[in-house]
Amino acid sequence: MTGPMECSDCSRNARGSSVRSPGWLVAVLVAGACSRAGYRPPPPSVSGNAADLEQTEVVPTADSPMQPGKNVIWCASFQAAWAELKKALGGDPPGEQQLVRRLNAARMEPTDLPRNGWYAAAGRIGNGIVDEIRREMGGRFPGVTPQLASVGAAPDRLVAYAYLAGEVKFAHPYFDQKDGGDFVDATGRATRVRSFGLAETGSGSAVNRRLRDQIAVLYAVKGERDALLEFVLDLDRGSSSQQLLLAVVEPEETLAATWTAVRERIAGWHGSDYDREFGVEDRLAVPNINFDLDRRYDELVQDNDFMLEWAGQRIRFRLDRSGAEVADESNLVAASLPRYFSFTRPFLVALRNRGTEEPYFLMWVANAELLDELAADGR
């Protein structure tokens, strides 16, 4: 078997750490990435052990409490692996730990996972589960090598594994903003970060018409002087299968509760057709996000009643100008005051199957730790 899952070449605040040799195992890999022909995405701006990040948490369930001011990331693969572990054990893994109870209580429908984009299995080494995982992954995800933690050759060891990959490709890629933009966190601290949006060639240009028509305004509430207080955008209304939503809203206590609040805002909004279109004078600014994080759930290993010896998850995620699709519409709405859809303050990122209610990836961006920071010289 291969060695434990690692994020090599750690950068910025992330550093590697050692891993105990596992017995009972939950090994999880997650990938949510976007790509386009002719576009070479940059390497992750943040990579390594999530435990070494001061302002970011990777959580195993969407109902895990959110700490104010911190980025919070959830992806469904760990729950998928836990569900396979439950099947292999013939019931819920025992334990009074709150995290174990949340994992046992978590419910996830296969229809909520990326269509044709996930795989999960569990079994004992002596029954050939490792070879089965490699064989199935090779057939379903050619070119992806499952990174399983080293568990030795003990035939009674149980391995649970899950992998998912989801993507949204913009039909019309957005444009990198030359000078980036300031992301302002809840404390008022501003960080210059790389971002993308419309072209700088003029609001009425043909390229911007195509980009505007891509964008669906799903919710927008104005405050004083018509400034937007809250809003939700679909950056590619024409994307098939997968849907990317970005939402500037007040956070709730958990990612799940924040997502529910976003859904309710969308469903309850009675905006006119005029309000729902991205107008010719409207503006867009979205920070780039690009990370590769390894999360080890040592709290499960150190305090459990069923011999769990290693548990981990790896999440790779990227959001940039190539990562969503939008069709150009609303170029005739020139009489309104411009709306600034700037994700330059805390916001929610959600990926889900288009047409379903529940997401398979959620991230609350509360600070700039995972954003692609722009140096003072613009490099």
Protein backbone atom coordinates (compact mmCIF):
# COMPACT_ATOMS: atom_id res chain seq x y z
CA MET A 1 0.00 0.00 0.00
CA THR A 2 1.04 3.59 -0.45
CA GLY A 3 2.07 5.82 2.42
CA PRO A 4 -0.22 8.12 4.38
CA MET A 5 -1.94 10.95 2.58
CA GLU A 6 0.34 13.97 2.51
CA CYS A 7 0.22 17.49 1.08
CA SER A 8 3.83 18.07 0.01
CA ASP A 9 5.63 21.34 -0.69
CA CYS A 10 3.67 23.12 2.02
CA SER A 11 3.37 26.88 1.53
CA ARG A 12 2.41 29.98 3.51
CA ASN A 13 1.12 28.94 6.94
CA ALA A 14 0.95 25.18 6.39
CA ARG A 15 3.50 22.67 7.61
CA GLY A 16 3.63 18.89 7.57
CA SER A 17 3.28 16.64 10.59
CA SER A 18 3.72 12.97 11.45
CA VAL A 19 0.99 10.34 11.30
CA ARG A 20 0.60 7.25 13.45
CA SER A 21 0.46 3.91 11.72
CA PRO A 22 -3.20 2.99 11.36
CA GLY A 23 -5.22 -0.09 12.11
CA TRP A 24 -8.89 0.66 11.66
CA LEU A 25 -8.91 3.30 9.00
CA VAL A 26 -10.98 5.95 7.35
CA ALA A 27 -9.03 7.26 4.35
CA VAL A 28 -10.70 9.99 2.35
CA LEU A 29 -9.70 11.99 -0.71
CA VAL A 30 -11.68 14.90 -2.07
CA ALA A 31 -11.24 16.88 -5.26
CA GLY A 32 -13.33 19.77 -6.47
CA ALA A 33 -11.49 21.49 -9.30
CA CYS A 34 -12.20 23.38 -12.48
CA SER A 35 -10.31 23.22 -15.76
CA ARG A 36 -10.54 24.56 -19.30
CA ALA A 37 -8.75 23.67 -22.51
CA GLY A 38 -5.93 26.14 -23.11
CA TYR A 39 -5.93 27.33 -19.51
CA ARG A 40 -3.27 26.11 -17.11
CA PRO A 41 -4.35 26.69 -13.52
CA PRO A 42 -1.68 27.86 -11.10
CA PRO A 43 -0.47 25.63 -8.26
CA PRO A 44 -2.29 25.95 -4.92
CA SER A 45 -1.54 29.15 -3.08
CA VAL A 46 -2.07 27.35 0.23
CA SER A 47 -1.19 23.70 0.82
CA GLY A 48 -0.32 21.39 3.67
CA ASN A 49 -1.75 20.35 7.01
CA ALA A 50 -5.00 22.14 7.84
CA ALA A 51 -4.09 21.98 11.54
CA ASP A 52 -1.28 24.46 10.92
CA LEU A 53 -3.66 27.13 9.65
CA GLU A 54 -4.68 29.61 12.33
CA GLN A 55 -7.86 30.95 10.73
CA THR A 56 -9.28 27.93 8.90
CA GLU A 57 -11.09 24.75 9.93
CA VAL A 58 -11.98 21.66 7.91
CA VAL A 59 -15.03 20.01 9.48
CA PRO A 60 -16.33 16.43 8.98
CA THR A 61 -20.03 17.32 9.06
CA ALA A 62 -21.89 20.38 7.79
CA ASP A 63 -23.58 20.78 11.19
CA SER A 64 -20.28 21.23 13.02
CA PRO A 65 -20.18 24.53 14.96
CA MET A 66 -18.52 27.46 13.17
CA GLN A 67 -16.12 29.64 15.10
CA PRO A 68 -16.61 33.36 14.38
CA GLY A 69 -14.03 34.84 12.06
CA LYS A 70 -12.72 31.51 10.76
CA ASN A 71 -12.93 29.97 7.30
CA VAL A 72 -14.91 26.72 7.51
CA ILE A 73 -14.74 23.98 4.85
CA TRP A 74 -16.87 20.86 4.49
CA CYS A 75 -16.94 18.27 1.74
CA ALA A 76 -19.10 15.14 1.65
CA SER A 77 -16.46 12.48 1.12
CA PHE A 78 -15.69 11.98 4.82
CA GLN A 79 -19.35 11.31 5.54
CA ALA A 80 -19.43 8.92 2.56
CA ALA A 81 -16.47 7.00 3.96
CA TRP A 82 -18.07 6.94 7.42
CA ALA A 83 -21.27 5.54 5.92
CA GLU A 84 -19.26 2.72 4.33
CA LEU A 85 -17.57 2.09 7.69
CA LYS A 86 -21.00 1.77 9.31
CA LYS A 87 -22.03 -0.79 6.69
CA ALA A 88 -18.87 -2.81 7.22
CA LEU A 89 -19.41 -2.82 11.00
CA GLY A 90 -23.09 -3.68 10.64
CA GLY A 91 -24.17 -0.62 12.61
CA ASP A 92 -23.06 2.70 14.10
CA PRO A 93 -19.49 2.82 15.39
CA PRO A 94 -19.73 3.06 19.20
CA GLY A 95 -18.72 6.20 21.05
CA GLU A 96 -20.09 8.97 23.21
CA GLN A 97 -17.88 11.60 21.61
CA GLN A 98 -19.93 14.42 20.11
CA LEU A 99 -18.13 14.12 16.79
CA VAL A 100 -18.91 10.39 16.59
CA ARG A 101 -22.56 11.10 17.35
CA ARG A 102 -22.73 13.76 14.65
CA LEU A 103 -21.14 11.42 12.09
CA ASN A 104 -23.49 8.58 13.02
CA ALA A 105 -26.50 10.88 12.75
CA ALA A 106 -25.46 12.50 9.46
CA ARG A 107 -27.65 11.61 6.50
CA MET A 108 -26.53 11.96 2.91
CA GLU A 109 -28.35 10.82 -0.21
CA PRO A 110 -26.31 9.46 -3.13
CA THR A 111 -28.23 11.87 -5.36
CA ASP A 112 -26.60 14.75 -3.46
CA LEU A 113 -23.12 13.67 -4.61
CA PRO A 114 -21.66 14.63 -8.02
CA ARG A 115 -23.26 12.52 -10.73
CA ASN A 116 -20.74 9.92 -11.92
CA GLY A 117 -18.20 11.72 -9.77
CA TRP A 118 -17.84 9.70 -6.58
CA TYR A 119 -16.84 6.31 -5.23
CA ALA A 120 -16.91 4.80 -1.72
CA ALA A 121 -16.15 1.36 -0.34
CA ALA A 122 -15.07 -0.43 2.84
CA GLY A 123 -13.82 -3.87 3.73
CA ARG A 124 -11.06 -5.88 5.37
CA ILE A 125 -7.57 -6.12 3.93
CA GLY A 126 -7.74 -9.91 4.08
CA ASN A 127 -10.75 -9.82 1.77
CA GLY A 128 -8.93 -7.81 -0.88
CA ILE A 129 -10.43 -4.36 -0.28
CA VAL A 130 -7.21 -2.53 -1.18
CA ASP A 131 -6.97 -4.15 -4.61
CA GLU A 132 -10.70 -3.57 -5.10
CA ILE A 133 -10.37 0.15 -4.35
CA ARG A 134 -7.46 0.54 -6.73
CA ARG A 135 -9.22 -1.41 -9.47
CA GLU A 136 -12.48 0.51 -9.14
CA MET A 137 -10.76 3.88 -8.95
CA GLY A 138 -8.67 3.05 -12.02
CA GLY A 139 -11.83 2.30 -13.98
CA ARG A 140 -13.89 5.24 -12.76
CA PHE A 141 -11.20 7.90 -12.42
CA PRO A 142 -8.33 7.10 -14.82
CA GLY A 143 -5.17 8.88 -13.79
CA VAL A 144 -6.17 9.21 -10.14
CA THR A 145 -4.13 7.09 -7.73
CA PRO A 146 -5.96 6.51 -4.45
CA GLN A 147 -3.83 7.68 -1.55
CA LEU A 148 -4.44 5.17 1.20
CA ALA A 149 -2.75 5.38 4.57
CA SER A 150 -0.28 2.61 5.25
CA VAL A 151 -1.88 -0.06 7.40
CA GLY A 152 0.60 -2.88 7.08
CA ALA A 153 -0.50 -6.35 6.03
CA ALA A 154 -2.75 -7.32 8.94
CA PRO A 155 -5.71 -9.06 7.25
CA ASP A 156 -8.20 -8.01 9.94
CA ARG A 157 -7.64 -4.28 9.35
CA LEU A 158 -10.71 -2.48 8.02
CA VAL A 159 -10.31 0.20 5.35
CA ALA A 160 -13.04 2.71 4.44
CA TYR A 161 -12.39 4.99 1.50
CA ALA A 162 -14.30 7.64 -0.45
CA TYR A 163 -13.45 9.95 -3.31
CA LEU A 164 -15.48 12.62 -5.09
CA ALA A 165 -14.75 15.09 -7.87
CA GLY A 166 -17.05 17.90 -8.99
CA GLU A 167 -16.52 20.80 -11.33
CA VAL A 168 -18.24 23.75 -12.94
CA LYS A 169 -16.63 25.16 -16.07
CA PHE A 170 -17.57 28.65 -17.17
CA ALA A 171 -18.70 28.70 -20.78
CA HIS A 172 -17.21 32.19 -21.03
CA PRO A 173 -14.19 32.56 -18.73
CA TYR A 174 -14.06 35.73 -16.69
CA PHE A 175 -11.11 38.10 -16.64
CA ASP A 176 -8.40 38.39 -14.02
CA GLN A 177 -8.54 41.80 -12.40
CA LYS A 178 -5.14 43.37 -12.99
CA ASP A 179 -4.80 45.08 -9.63
CA GLY A 180 -6.79 42.53 -7.64
CA GLY A 181 -9.08 43.76 -4.91
CA ASP A 182 -9.33 44.16 -1.14
CA PHE A 183 -11.03 41.40 0.85
CA VAL A 184 -12.29 42.84 4.14
CA ASP A 185 -12.92 40.37 6.96
CA ALA A 186 -15.36 40.81 9.85
CA THR A 187 -12.77 42.69 11.91
CA GLY A 188 -12.30 45.29 9.16
CA ARG A 189 -8.87 44.04 8.13
CA ALA A 190 -8.27 44.45 4.39
CA THR A 191 -6.03 42.12 2.38
CA ARG A 192 -5.16 42.66 -1.28
CA VAL A 193 -6.01 39.43 -3.12
CA ARG A 194 -6.19 38.18 -6.69
CA SER A 195 -9.70 38.29 -8.10
CA PHE A 196 -11.72 37.99 -11.29
CA GLY A 197 -14.74 39.63 -12.86
CA LEU A 198 -15.77 41.40 -16.06
CA ALA A 199 -13.42 42.77 -18.70
CA GLU A 200 -12.03 46.27 -18.32
CA THR A 201 -12.87 47.12 -21.94
CA GLY A 202 -16.13 48.91 -21.11
CA SER A 203 -19.46 47.84 -19.71
CA GLY A 204 -21.12 47.77 -23.12
CA SER A 205 -18.54 45.61 -24.88
CA ALA A 206 -19.59 42.38 -26.57
CA VAL A 207 -17.42 40.27 -24.25
CA ASN A 208 -19.01 41.80 -21.18
CA ARG A 209 -22.49 41.23 -22.63
CA ARG A 210 -21.69 37.53 -22.86
CA LEU A 211 -20.37 37.49 -19.32
CA ARG A 212 -23.34 39.38 -17.90
CA ASP A 213 -25.76 37.01 -19.56
CA GLN A 214 -24.03 34.13 -17.80
CA ILE A 215 -24.84 35.50 -14.37
CA ALA A 216 -28.13 34.79 -12.57
CA VAL A 217 -29.00 37.05 -9.64
CA LEU A 218 -30.87 34.69 -7.29
CA TYR A 219 -31.28 37.11 -4.39
CA ALA A 220 -30.36 40.73 -3.75
CA VAL A 221 -31.33 43.11 -0.95
CA LYS A 222 -30.34 46.76 -0.93
CA GLY A 223 -29.68 49.07 1.99
CA GLU A 224 -28.96 52.77 2.15
CA ARG A 225 -28.03 54.50 -1.09
CA ASP A 226 -28.86 51.30 -2.98
CA ALA A 227 -25.78 49.50 -1.63
CA LEU A 228 -26.19 45.73 -1.64
CA LEU A 229 -26.50 44.24 1.85
CA GLU A 230 -26.90 40.59 0.88
CA PHE A 231 -26.90 38.74 -2.43
CA VAL A 232 -26.60 35.31 -4.04
CA LEU A 233 -25.22 34.70 -7.54
CA ASP A 234 -25.08 31.73 -9.89
CA LEU A 235 -22.00 32.57 -11.96
CA ASP A 236 -23.05 30.23 -14.75
CA ARG A 237 -26.78 29.81 -15.19
CA GLY A 238 -26.15 27.46 -18.11
CA SER A 239 -23.87 24.99 -16.35
CA SER A 240 -25.15 21.45 -16.62
CA SER A 241 -25.14 18.88 -13.84
CA GLN A 242 -23.20 20.98 -11.31
CA GLN A 243 -24.03 24.42 -9.95
CA LEU A 244 -21.80 26.97 -8.23
CA LEU A 245 -23.43 29.47 -5.88
CA LEU A 246 -21.75 32.37 -4.07
CA ALA A 247 -23.62 34.13 -1.28
CA VAL A 248 -22.90 37.20 0.82
CA VAL A 249 -25.15 36.71 3.86
CA GLU A 250 -24.92 36.80 7.64
CA PRO A 251 -23.48 33.48 8.84
CA GLU A 252 -25.45 31.12 11.06
CA GLU A 253 -23.98 28.82 13.70
CA THR A 254 -23.10 26.05 11.22
CA LEU A 255 -22.47 25.66 7.51
CA ALA A 256 -25.66 23.60 7.22
CA ALA A 257 -27.73 26.33 8.86
CA THR A 258 -26.09 29.00 6.70
CA TRP A 259 -26.88 26.97 3.57
CA THR A 260 -30.50 26.54 4.70
CA ALA A 261 -30.76 30.31 5.21
CA VAL A 262 -29.41 30.88 1.68
CA ARG A 263 -31.95 28.45 0.20
CA GLU A 264 -34.78 30.17 2.07
CA ARG A 265 -33.65 33.59 0.86
CA ILE A 266 -33.60 32.38 -2.74
CA ALA A 267 -37.01 30.71 -2.46
CA GLY A 268 -38.62 33.69 -0.71
CA TRP A 269 -37.22 36.46 -2.90
CA HIS A 270 -39.80 38.20 -5.07
CA GLY A 271 -37.41 40.22 -7.18
CA SER A 272 -38.62 41.39 -10.57
CA ASP A 273 -37.19 40.14 -13.85
CA TYR A 274 -35.28 43.42 -13.91
CA ASP A 275 -33.74 42.72 -10.48
CA ARG A 276 -32.79 39.18 -11.45
CA GLU A 277 -30.67 40.22 -14.41
CA PHE A 278 -27.07 41.34 -14.13
CA GLY A 279 -27.31 44.87 -15.50
CA VAL A 280 -25.03 46.65 -17.93
CA GLU A 281 -23.67 48.87 -15.15
CA ASP A 282 -23.42 46.15 -12.49
CA ARG A 283 -19.98 45.12 -11.31
CA LEU A 284 -18.50 41.79 -10.21
CA ALA A 285 -15.44 40.97 -8.08
CA VAL A 286 -14.71 37.43 -6.86
CA PRO A 287 -11.52 36.46 -4.97
CA ASN A 288 -9.47 33.55 -6.27
CA ILE A 289 -9.40 30.51 -3.98
CA ASN A 290 -6.89 27.73 -4.54
CA PHE A 291 -5.89 25.29 -1.80
CA ASP A 292 -4.81 21.71 -1.18
CA LEU A 293 -5.36 20.77 2.47
CA ASP A 294 -4.82 17.61 4.44
CA ARG A 295 -7.05 17.16 7.51
CA ARG A 296 -6.25 14.47 10.07
CA TYR A 297 -9.05 13.79 12.56
CA ASP A 298 -6.81 13.01 15.52
CA GLU A 299 -9.70 13.71 17.89
CA LEU A 300 -11.41 10.59 16.51
CA VAL A 301 -8.28 8.50 16.84
CA GLN A 302 -7.44 9.59 20.38
CA ASP A 303 -10.90 9.09 21.87
CA ASN A 304 -12.99 6.31 20.41
CA ASP A 305 -14.41 2.97 21.45
CA PHE A 306 -13.85 0.97 18.28
CA MET A 307 -10.11 0.90 17.64
CA LEU A 308 -9.96 3.65 15.06
CA GLU A 309 -6.27 4.33 14.50
CA TRP A 310 -6.18 6.80 11.62
CA ALA A 311 -8.70 9.10 9.99
CA GLY A 312 -8.02 11.72 7.36
CA GLN A 313 -9.37 13.81 4.53
CA ARG A 314 -7.75 15.77 1.73
CA ILE A 315 -9.55 18.61 -0.01
CA ARG A 316 -8.32 20.32 -3.16
CA PHE A 317 -10.40 23.26 -4.30
CA ARG A 318 -9.98 26.06 -6.81
CA LEU A 319 -12.17 28.98 -7.81
CA ASP A 320 -10.88 31.35 -10.48
CA ARG A 321 -11.86 32.93 -13.78
CA SER A 322 -12.23 29.51 -15.47
CA GLY A 323 -14.33 27.99 -12.73
CA ALA A 324 -17.91 28.77 -13.74
CA GLU A 325 -20.13 29.55 -16.74
CA VAL A 326 -22.38 32.50 -17.47
CA ALA A 327 -24.44 33.61 -20.54
CA ASP A 328 -24.61 37.31 -21.58
CA GLU A 329 -28.06 38.87 -20.94
CA SER A 330 -29.52 42.20 -19.67
CA ASN A 331 -27.42 44.49 -21.84
CA LEU A 332 -30.44 46.76 -22.33
CA VAL A 333 -30.83 47.55 -18.63
CA ALA A 334 -28.73 50.67 -18.63
CA ALA A 335 -30.93 53.05 -16.68
CA SER A 336 -30.41 51.63 -13.21
CA LEU A 337 -27.75 52.57 -10.70
CA PRO A 338 -24.88 50.08 -10.74
CA ARG A 339 -24.91 47.24 -8.23
CA TYR A 340 -21.56 46.08 -6.92
CA PHE A 341 -21.60 42.31 -6.50
CA SER A 342 -18.24 42.26 -4.75
CA PHE A 343 -17.35 39.19 -2.73
CA THR A 344 -14.88 41.36 -0.86
CA ARG A 345 -16.38 40.51 2.52
CA PRO A 346 -17.24 37.13 4.12
CA PHE A 347 -19.26 34.87 1.82
CA LEU A 348 -20.45 31.29 1.31
CA VAL A 349 -19.32 28.97 -1.51
CA ALA A 350 -21.59 26.03 -2.37
CA LEU A 351 -21.34 23.27 -4.96
CA ARG A 352 -24.35 21.06 -5.63
CA ASN A 353 -25.99 19.03 -8.35
CA ARG A 354 -28.21 21.40 -10.32
CA GLY A 355 -31.83 20.75 -9.39
CA THR A 356 -31.11 19.23 -5.96
CA GLU A 357 -31.39 20.90 -2.56
CA GLU A 358 -28.34 19.66 -0.68
CA PRO A 359 -24.70 20.50 -1.57
CA TYR A 360 -21.65 18.24 -1.52
CA PHE A 361 -19.20 21.09 -0.78
CA LEU A 362 -19.61 24.13 1.47
CA MET A 363 -17.09 26.77 2.47
CA TRP A 364 -17.51 29.89 4.57
CA VAL A 365 -14.85 32.43 3.57
CA ALA A 366 -14.43 34.59 6.66
CA ASN A 367 -10.85 35.79 6.18
CA ALA A 368 -8.08 35.94 3.58
CA GLU A 369 -5.98 32.99 4.83
CA LEU A 370 -6.98 30.78 1.87
CA LEU A 371 -7.25 33.55 -0.70
CA ASP A 372 -4.53 34.20 -3.29
CA GLU A 373 -2.83 37.21 -1.75
CA LEU A 374 -1.46 39.86 -4.08
CA ALA A 375 1.95 41.27 -3.22
CA ALA A 376 2.46 45.00 -2.88
CA ASP A 377 4.25 45.08 -6.26
CA GLY A 378 1.24 43.37 -7.93
CA ARG A 379 2.96 39.99 -8.40
